[in-house]
Amino acid sequence: MHGRGEEGAAVTENGTRRRRAFIGSFTAAGGPGVVMAAVHPHSGALSLLGSADGVPDPSYLALSPGGDTLYAVSETAEGAVAAYRVHGDRPELAGPPVPVGGSGPTHLSLHDGHVLTANYGSGSVTAVPLRADGTLASAPSGRLQHTGSGPHEKRQRGPHAHQVQPAPGGRWAVSVDLGTDSVRVCTLRQGTPALHREFALRPGSGPRHLAFHPDGRYAYVVNELTPTVTVCRWDGDSGSLQPLVETQVLPDVPAGDAYPSGIVVSPDGRHVWIATRGEDVLSAFAVEGEILRLIGTVPCGGDWPRALAESRGVLYAANERSGNVTWFTIDQTTGMPRYEGSVDVPAASCVVLD
């Protein structure tokens, strides 16, 4: 790993806790595992600190609310989840990885005292209980198997859960399934994910990830098989999702040439950013009621941007094939990102910040 961030970013200032970033990667493609970086308090630039490679393919990460424990999927055929302590400059495993009973987990989140994993290969969602100290229980408490398929001959022969996350308010969890063109709303019943309702999106769209608007009234679903984003109305009381408008992520780019991946909504709810692989760009949208208006695009600073994160007016992109994480300052008026810098992390797959 080679960094091109600013010197001194790892030092605390005025006795305050330093900000950190955590980067996942594919070890099977030469990645270093889970990487820790310091975040410069003013510029947001990253300086690499240390890494841990004890878990294969930790492609997606989630941080505990207190910031002392990091969770990672192991995106392998067997599928597992692992917990790390992150007190120093290098992540340290906090117990052995726990098999999730599903293949190829691609995403995880914290919900109601559990870690939830979205298992892409098997098309399921697994719940693993958390102990009081933040470590993982030795086995899952339950699993929800998705069913169904879609019209895409190669990608939608069966269910492929790609993301699972809590909805605003913490009552519901939502899982996004690329294989069935749908979003499922679930609850946890005695530690087992239970289906509340399933909501259909356009056949063949291939939904990948979802992000909620800060006001909790809208959800934005980025679609991988057709380069679009679907604006949905979200009702947290009834746990219902209503698709409203589907918008092109890029102008005049047909399906098969561009593959949207990460999506982020600004904290003030005025803008949405989406990364697209193939075209290797970041798209900026203005939120105008139920409409997303494309403002423009900028190069992602690498190849195959797999995930995005935003923190304090800085946007970060994990570029898998070029093996780097890039960052951009955001114009607070227009919402357009401006490239600022990069650090090298082979086979980078995601980035989260505390």
Protein backbone atom coordinates (compact mmCIF):
# COMPACT_ATOMS: atom_id res chain seq x y z
CA MET A 1 0.00 0.00 0.00
CA HIS A 2 1.23 3.46 -0.83
CA GLY A 3 -0.39 6.64 0.43
CA ARG A 4 -0.53 10.04 -1.15
CA GLY A 5 -2.43 11.65 1.70
CA GLU A 6 -1.26 14.52 3.87
CA GLU A 7 1.50 13.99 6.43
CA GLY A 8 0.53 14.18 10.09
CA ALA A 9 -3.06 13.04 9.55
CA ALA A 10 -2.67 10.31 12.17
CA VAL A 11 -1.95 12.78 14.99
CA THR A 12 -4.71 13.87 17.36
CA GLU A 13 -5.19 17.58 17.79
CA ASN A 14 -6.01 19.30 21.10
CA GLY A 15 -6.42 15.94 22.78
CA THR A 16 -9.45 14.99 20.69
CA ARG A 17 -9.97 11.55 19.22
CA ARG A 18 -8.65 11.30 15.70
CA ARG A 19 -10.99 10.49 12.88
CA ARG A 20 -10.49 7.20 11.12
CA ALA A 21 -11.45 5.43 7.92
CA PHE A 22 -11.68 1.68 7.38
CA ILE A 23 -11.25 0.13 3.96
CA GLY A 24 -12.33 -3.34 2.87
CA SER A 25 -10.62 -5.27 0.07
CA PHE A 26 -10.57 -8.57 -1.81
CA THR A 27 -7.63 -10.63 -0.58
CA ALA A 28 -8.18 -13.10 -3.44
CA ALA A 29 -7.28 -10.25 -5.82
CA GLY A 30 -4.23 -9.11 -3.85
CA GLY A 31 -5.95 -6.89 -1.31
CA PRO A 32 -4.42 -6.39 2.16
CA GLY A 33 -7.63 -7.29 4.02
CA VAL A 34 -9.08 -4.68 6.38
CA VAL A 35 -7.15 -1.40 6.29
CA MET A 36 -7.20 1.42 8.83
CA ALA A 37 -6.44 5.02 7.83
CA ALA A 38 -6.30 8.34 9.64
CA VAL A 39 -8.52 11.14 8.33
CA HIS A 40 -7.04 14.61 8.28
CA PRO A 41 -9.28 16.78 10.48
CA HIS A 42 -9.52 19.63 7.98
CA SER A 43 -9.03 18.28 4.47
CA GLY A 44 -10.44 14.77 4.90
CA ALA A 45 -7.30 13.31 3.28
CA LEU A 46 -6.44 9.72 4.19
CA SER A 47 -3.12 8.46 5.55
CA LEU A 48 -2.77 4.68 5.78
CA LEU A 49 -1.93 3.18 9.18
CA GLY A 50 -2.13 -0.62 9.28
CA SER A 51 -4.04 -3.63 8.02
CA ALA A 52 -5.17 -7.13 9.03
CA ASP A 53 -5.43 -10.02 6.58
CA GLY A 54 -6.75 -12.81 8.83
CA VAL A 55 -10.16 -12.97 7.13
CA PRO A 56 -10.48 -13.71 3.39
CA ASP A 57 -12.20 -11.13 1.20
CA PRO A 58 -13.53 -8.67 3.82
CA SER A 59 -15.35 -6.76 1.11
CA TYR A 60 -17.85 -4.79 3.18
CA LEU A 61 -17.54 -3.21 6.63
CA ALA A 62 -19.73 -1.67 9.33
CA LEU A 63 -18.63 0.23 12.42
CA SER A 64 -20.22 0.01 15.87
CA PRO A 65 -21.91 3.20 17.15
CA GLY A 66 -19.14 3.67 19.72
CA GLY A 67 -16.44 3.27 17.08
CA ASP A 68 -14.49 0.59 18.94
CA THR A 69 -15.58 -2.50 16.99
CA LEU A 70 -15.58 -3.05 13.23
CA TYR A 71 -17.53 -5.80 11.49
CA ALA A 72 -16.66 -7.35 8.13
CA VAL A 73 -18.22 -9.89 5.82
CA SER A 74 -16.06 -12.62 4.36
CA GLU A 75 -17.32 -12.70 0.77
CA THR A 76 -16.48 -16.34 0.09
CA ALA A 77 -18.46 -19.38 -1.00
CA GLU A 78 -18.75 -20.46 2.64
CA GLY A 79 -19.66 -16.97 3.88
CA ALA A 80 -18.81 -15.56 7.28
CA VAL A 81 -18.79 -12.40 9.40
CA ALA A 82 -15.95 -11.20 11.64
CA ALA A 83 -15.48 -8.60 14.37
CA TYR A 84 -12.35 -6.48 14.91
CA ARG A 85 -11.20 -4.25 17.74
CA VAL A 86 -9.93 -0.95 16.36
CA HIS A 87 -8.32 0.82 19.30
CA GLY A 88 -4.82 1.14 17.82
CA ASP A 89 -3.39 1.60 14.34
CA ARG A 90 -4.18 -1.93 13.17
CA PRO A 91 -7.46 -3.88 13.33
CA GLU A 92 -7.31 -6.93 15.63
CA LEU A 93 -9.69 -9.86 15.33
CA ALA A 94 -12.05 -10.18 18.29
CA GLY A 95 -12.73 -13.89 18.05
CA PRO A 96 -13.02 -16.31 15.14
CA PRO A 97 -15.20 -15.51 12.09
CA VAL A 98 -18.77 -16.81 12.38
CA PRO A 99 -20.28 -18.74 9.42
CA VAL A 100 -23.50 -17.12 8.24
CA GLY A 101 -25.08 -20.14 6.58
CA GLY A 102 -25.17 -18.35 3.23
CA SER A 103 -22.74 -17.90 0.35
CA GLY A 104 -21.07 -14.73 -0.87
CA PRO A 105 -22.18 -12.13 1.72
CA THR A 106 -21.75 -8.71 0.11
CA HIS A 107 -23.14 -6.35 2.75
CA LEU A 108 -23.80 -6.10 6.48
CA SER A 109 -25.32 -3.71 8.99
CA LEU A 110 -26.22 -3.46 12.67
CA HIS A 111 -29.86 -3.82 13.69
CA ASP A 112 -31.56 -4.50 17.01
CA GLY A 113 -28.59 -6.09 18.72
CA HIS A 114 -27.57 -8.19 15.72
CA VAL A 115 -25.33 -8.07 12.69
CA LEU A 116 -27.34 -8.68 9.53
CA THR A 117 -25.63 -9.97 6.39
CA ALA A 118 -26.95 -9.94 2.82
CA ASN A 119 -25.79 -13.17 1.20
CA TYR A 120 -25.63 -12.60 -2.54
CA GLY A 121 -24.80 -16.15 -3.66
CA SER A 122 -27.54 -17.89 -1.73
CA GLY A 123 -30.04 -15.02 -1.80
CA SER A 124 -30.62 -14.81 1.94
CA VAL A 125 -30.30 -12.59 5.00
CA THR A 126 -28.63 -13.86 8.18
CA ALA A 127 -28.79 -12.47 11.73
CA VAL A 128 -25.86 -12.98 14.13
CA PRO A 129 -26.41 -11.80 17.73
CA LEU A 130 -24.01 -9.37 19.37
CA ARG A 131 -22.72 -9.94 22.87
CA ALA A 132 -22.69 -7.11 25.41
CA ASP A 133 -19.04 -6.36 24.63
CA GLY A 134 -19.74 -6.03 20.91
CA THR A 135 -18.26 -9.38 19.90
CA LEU A 136 -20.19 -11.89 17.83
CA ALA A 137 -22.14 -14.83 19.17
CA SER A 138 -20.75 -18.19 18.06
CA ALA A 139 -23.60 -18.92 15.61
CA PRO A 140 -26.41 -17.14 13.76
CA SER A 141 -29.79 -16.81 15.44
CA GLY A 142 -31.78 -17.01 12.21
CA ARG A 143 -31.86 -16.67 8.46
CA LEU A 144 -34.42 -15.52 5.89
CA GLN A 145 -34.27 -17.18 2.49
CA HIS A 146 -35.37 -15.05 -0.46
CA THR A 147 -37.22 -16.67 -3.35
CA GLY A 148 -37.92 -15.65 -6.94
CA SER A 149 -36.09 -14.71 -10.12
CA GLY A 150 -35.98 -12.06 -12.84
CA PRO A 151 -35.86 -11.77 -16.64
CA HIS A 152 -32.08 -11.35 -16.97
CA GLU A 153 -30.89 -14.76 -18.20
CA LYS A 154 -27.50 -14.79 -16.48
CA ARG A 155 -27.88 -12.54 -13.44
CA GLN A 156 -31.43 -13.24 -12.27
CA ARG A 157 -31.91 -17.00 -12.28
CA GLY A 158 -32.50 -16.86 -8.54
CA PRO A 159 -32.45 -14.47 -5.61
CA HIS A 160 -29.33 -12.41 -4.90
CA ALA A 161 -29.58 -10.34 -1.72
CA HIS A 162 -27.10 -7.50 -2.24
CA GLN A 163 -27.72 -5.20 0.72
CA VAL A 164 -29.49 -5.18 4.09
CA GLN A 165 -29.83 -2.18 6.38
CA PRO A 166 -32.10 -0.73 9.05
CA ALA A 167 -34.76 1.74 8.00
CA PRO A 168 -35.10 5.11 9.77
CA GLY A 169 -36.56 4.70 13.23
CA GLY A 170 -35.04 1.25 13.75
CA ARG A 171 -38.30 -0.73 13.54
CA TRP A 172 -37.69 -2.29 10.14
CA ALA A 173 -34.80 -3.69 8.14
CA VAL A 174 -34.80 -3.63 4.34
CA SER A 175 -33.02 -6.04 2.02
CA VAL A 176 -32.36 -5.25 -1.64
CA ASP A 177 -32.37 -8.23 -4.02
CA LEU A 178 -30.78 -7.92 -7.45
CA GLY A 179 -32.06 -11.32 -8.59
CA THR A 180 -35.75 -10.78 -7.82
CA ASP A 181 -36.07 -7.07 -8.68
CA SER A 182 -37.50 -6.34 -5.27
CA VAL A 183 -36.99 -4.85 -1.83
CA ARG A 184 -38.08 -6.81 1.23
CA VAL A 185 -39.08 -5.18 4.49
CA CYS A 186 -38.36 -7.38 7.51
CA THR A 187 -38.44 -7.47 11.28
CA LEU A 188 -36.45 -9.52 13.76
CA ARG A 189 -38.54 -12.07 15.65
CA GLN A 190 -36.61 -13.77 18.42
CA GLY A 191 -33.43 -13.23 16.44
CA THR A 192 -34.78 -14.49 13.11
CA PRO A 193 -35.34 -12.13 10.14
CA ALA A 194 -39.04 -12.35 9.27
CA LEU A 195 -40.63 -11.02 6.09
CA HIS A 196 -43.12 -8.20 6.54
CA ARG A 197 -43.73 -7.30 2.88
CA GLU A 198 -41.95 -7.52 -0.46
CA PHE A 199 -42.10 -4.62 -2.93
CA ALA A 200 -41.51 -5.10 -6.66
CA LEU A 201 -39.38 -2.81 -8.81
CA ARG A 202 -39.27 -2.81 -12.61
CA PRO A 203 -38.46 -6.30 -13.97
CA GLY A 204 -34.85 -6.53 -15.10
CA SER A 205 -33.70 -3.41 -13.26
CA GLY A 206 -31.47 -5.39 -10.87
CA PRO A 207 -31.61 -3.30 -7.67
CA ARG A 208 -28.29 -3.26 -5.82
CA HIS A 209 -28.27 -0.72 -2.97
CA LEU A 210 -30.72 1.61 -1.25
CA ALA A 211 -30.19 4.87 0.63
CA PHE A 212 -32.77 6.77 2.67
CA HIS A 213 -33.36 10.51 2.60
CA PRO A 214 -32.62 12.11 6.00
CA ASP A 215 -36.28 13.09 6.42
CA GLY A 216 -37.25 9.40 6.28
CA ARG A 217 -39.90 9.91 3.59
CA TYR A 218 -37.97 8.74 0.53
CA ALA A 219 -35.65 5.92 -0.41
CA TYR A 220 -33.40 5.84 -3.47
CA VAL A 221 -32.65 2.45 -5.04
CA VAL A 222 -29.69 2.26 -7.41
CA ASN A 223 -30.12 -0.38 -10.12
CA GLU A 224 -27.17 -2.34 -11.46
CA LEU A 225 -28.58 -4.12 -14.52
CA THR A 226 -30.03 -0.94 -15.99
CA PRO A 227 -28.09 2.22 -15.11
CA THR A 228 -30.94 3.92 -13.25
CA VAL A 229 -32.02 5.05 -9.80
CA THR A 230 -35.58 4.57 -8.55
CA VAL A 231 -37.11 7.12 -6.19
CA CYS A 232 -39.50 5.48 -3.73
CA ARG A 233 -41.82 6.83 -1.07
CA TRP A 234 -41.16 5.24 2.32
CA ASP A 235 -43.79 4.90 5.05
CA GLY A 236 -42.09 3.97 8.30
CA ASP A 237 -45.37 3.46 10.16
CA SER A 238 -46.63 0.72 7.85
CA GLY A 239 -43.25 -0.46 6.58
CA SER A 240 -44.15 0.14 2.93
CA LEU A 241 -42.15 1.22 -0.11
CA GLN A 242 -43.81 2.75 -3.17
CA PRO A 243 -41.75 3.19 -6.37
CA LEU A 244 -42.39 6.61 -7.92
CA VAL A 245 -39.87 7.64 -10.58
CA GLU A 246 -36.96 5.87 -12.30
CA THR A 247 -34.17 8.12 -13.59
CA GLN A 248 -31.12 7.46 -15.75
CA VAL A 249 -27.87 7.62 -13.78
CA LEU A 250 -25.96 8.68 -16.91
CA PRO A 251 -27.29 10.25 -20.10
CA ASP A 252 -27.33 8.04 -23.21
CA VAL A 253 -25.56 5.03 -21.67
CA PRO A 254 -27.29 1.70 -22.43
CA ALA A 255 -27.53 -1.26 -20.08
CA GLY A 256 -24.53 -3.55 -20.36
CA ASP A 257 -22.01 -0.71 -20.60
CA ALA A 258 -22.43 0.84 -17.15
CA TYR A 259 -22.99 -0.75 -13.77
CA PRO A 260 -24.07 1.57 -10.94
CA SER A 261 -22.83 0.52 -7.50
CA GLY A 262 -22.66 2.85 -4.49
CA ILE A 263 -25.17 5.52 -3.53
CA VAL A 264 -24.95 8.25 -0.87
CA VAL A 265 -27.41 10.95 0.19
CA SER A 266 -26.00 14.18 1.60
CA PRO A 267 -26.71 14.78 5.31
CA ASP A 268 -28.83 17.83 4.46
CA GLY A 269 -30.83 15.82 1.90
CA ARG A 270 -30.14 18.22 -0.97
CA HIS A 271 -27.97 15.93 -3.10
CA VAL A 272 -27.46 12.30 -4.07
CA TRP A 273 -24.24 10.80 -5.45
CA ILE A 274 -23.95 7.53 -7.36
CA ALA A 275 -20.86 5.67 -8.56
CA THR A 276 -20.95 3.81 -11.87
CA ARG A 277 -18.49 1.12 -12.88
CA GLY A 278 -17.54 0.74 -16.54
CA GLU A 279 -17.97 4.44 -17.15
CA ASP A 280 -15.95 4.99 -13.92
CA VAL A 281 -17.68 8.21 -12.94
CA LEU A 282 -19.52 9.76 -10.03
CA SER A 283 -22.92 11.29 -10.80
CA ALA A 284 -24.32 14.18 -8.75
CA PHE A 285 -28.07 14.73 -8.44
CA ALA A 286 -30.15 17.53 -6.98
CA VAL A 287 -33.11 16.42 -4.87
CA GLU A 288 -36.22 18.24 -6.08
CA GLY A 289 -39.16 16.74 -4.24
CA GLU A 290 -39.89 13.36 -5.81
CA ILE A 291 -37.43 14.04 -8.65
CA LEU A 292 -33.69 13.50 -8.87
CA ARG A 293 -32.17 15.92 -11.38
CA LEU A 294 -28.77 14.99 -12.80
CA ILE A 295 -26.37 17.89 -12.28
CA GLY A 296 -23.27 16.35 -13.84
CA THR A 297 -20.58 13.71 -13.61
CA VAL A 298 -16.88 13.62 -12.73
CA PRO A 299 -14.26 10.85 -13.19
CA CYS A 300 -13.92 8.69 -10.08
CA GLY A 301 -10.13 8.90 -10.10
CA GLY A 302 -9.74 5.17 -10.64
CA ASP A 303 -11.20 2.05 -12.24
CA TRP A 304 -14.40 0.24 -11.16
CA PRO A 305 -15.75 2.36 -8.25
CA ARG A 306 -17.46 -0.23 -6.06
CA ALA A 307 -18.61 1.86 -3.10
CA LEU A 308 -19.04 5.43 -1.85
CA ALA A 309 -19.00 7.13 1.54
CA GLU A 310 -19.50 10.73 2.65
CA SER A 311 -18.18 12.45 5.75
CA ARG A 312 -18.14 16.16 6.63
CA GLY A 313 -18.42 17.42 3.09
CA VAL A 314 -15.93 14.96 1.60
CA LEU A 315 -16.92 12.09 -0.72
CA TYR A 316 -14.83 8.90 -0.87
CA ALA A 317 -14.79 6.24 -3.59
CA ALA A 318 -13.30 2.74 -3.30
CA ASN A 319 -12.01 1.81 -6.76
CA GLU A 320 -11.61 -1.95 -6.98
CA ARG A 321 -9.68 -2.57 -10.21
CA SER A 322 -7.28 0.37 -9.94
CA GLY A 323 -6.74 -0.41 -6.26
CA ASN A 324 -7.19 3.01 -4.70
CA VAL A 325 -9.49 5.13 -2.58
CA THR A 326 -10.08 8.65 -3.88
CA TRP A 327 -11.65 11.62 -2.14
CA PHE A 328 -13.50 14.70 -3.35
CA THR A 329 -14.61 17.92 -1.73
CA ILE A 330 -18.23 18.81 -2.36
CA ASP A 331 -19.34 22.20 -3.63
CA GLN A 332 -21.95 23.08 -1.02
CA THR A 333 -24.00 25.07 -3.53
CA THR A 334 -23.99 22.83 -6.60
CA GLY A 335 -23.27 19.45 -5.02
CA MET A 336 -20.56 18.68 -7.56
CA PRO A 337 -17.52 16.71 -6.32
CA ARG A 338 -13.99 17.97 -6.96
CA TYR A 339 -11.08 15.51 -6.93
CA GLU A 340 -8.56 16.11 -4.13
CA GLY A 341 -6.41 13.01 -3.60
CA SER A 342 -5.93 9.25 -3.42
CA VAL A 343 -4.33 6.42 -1.46
CA ASP A 344 -3.39 3.04 -2.91
CA VAL A 345 -5.24 0.02 -1.51
CA PRO A 346 -5.15 -3.01 -3.84
CA ALA A 347 -8.60 -4.44 -4.66
CA ALA A 348 -10.37 -1.81 -2.54
CA SER A 349 -14.06 -2.63 -2.14
CA CYS A 350 -15.56 -0.25 0.42
CA VAL A 351 -14.74 2.56 2.83
CA VAL A 352 -16.47 3.59 6.06
CA LEU A 353 -15.63 6.47 8.40
CA ASP A 354 -16.28 7.19 12.05
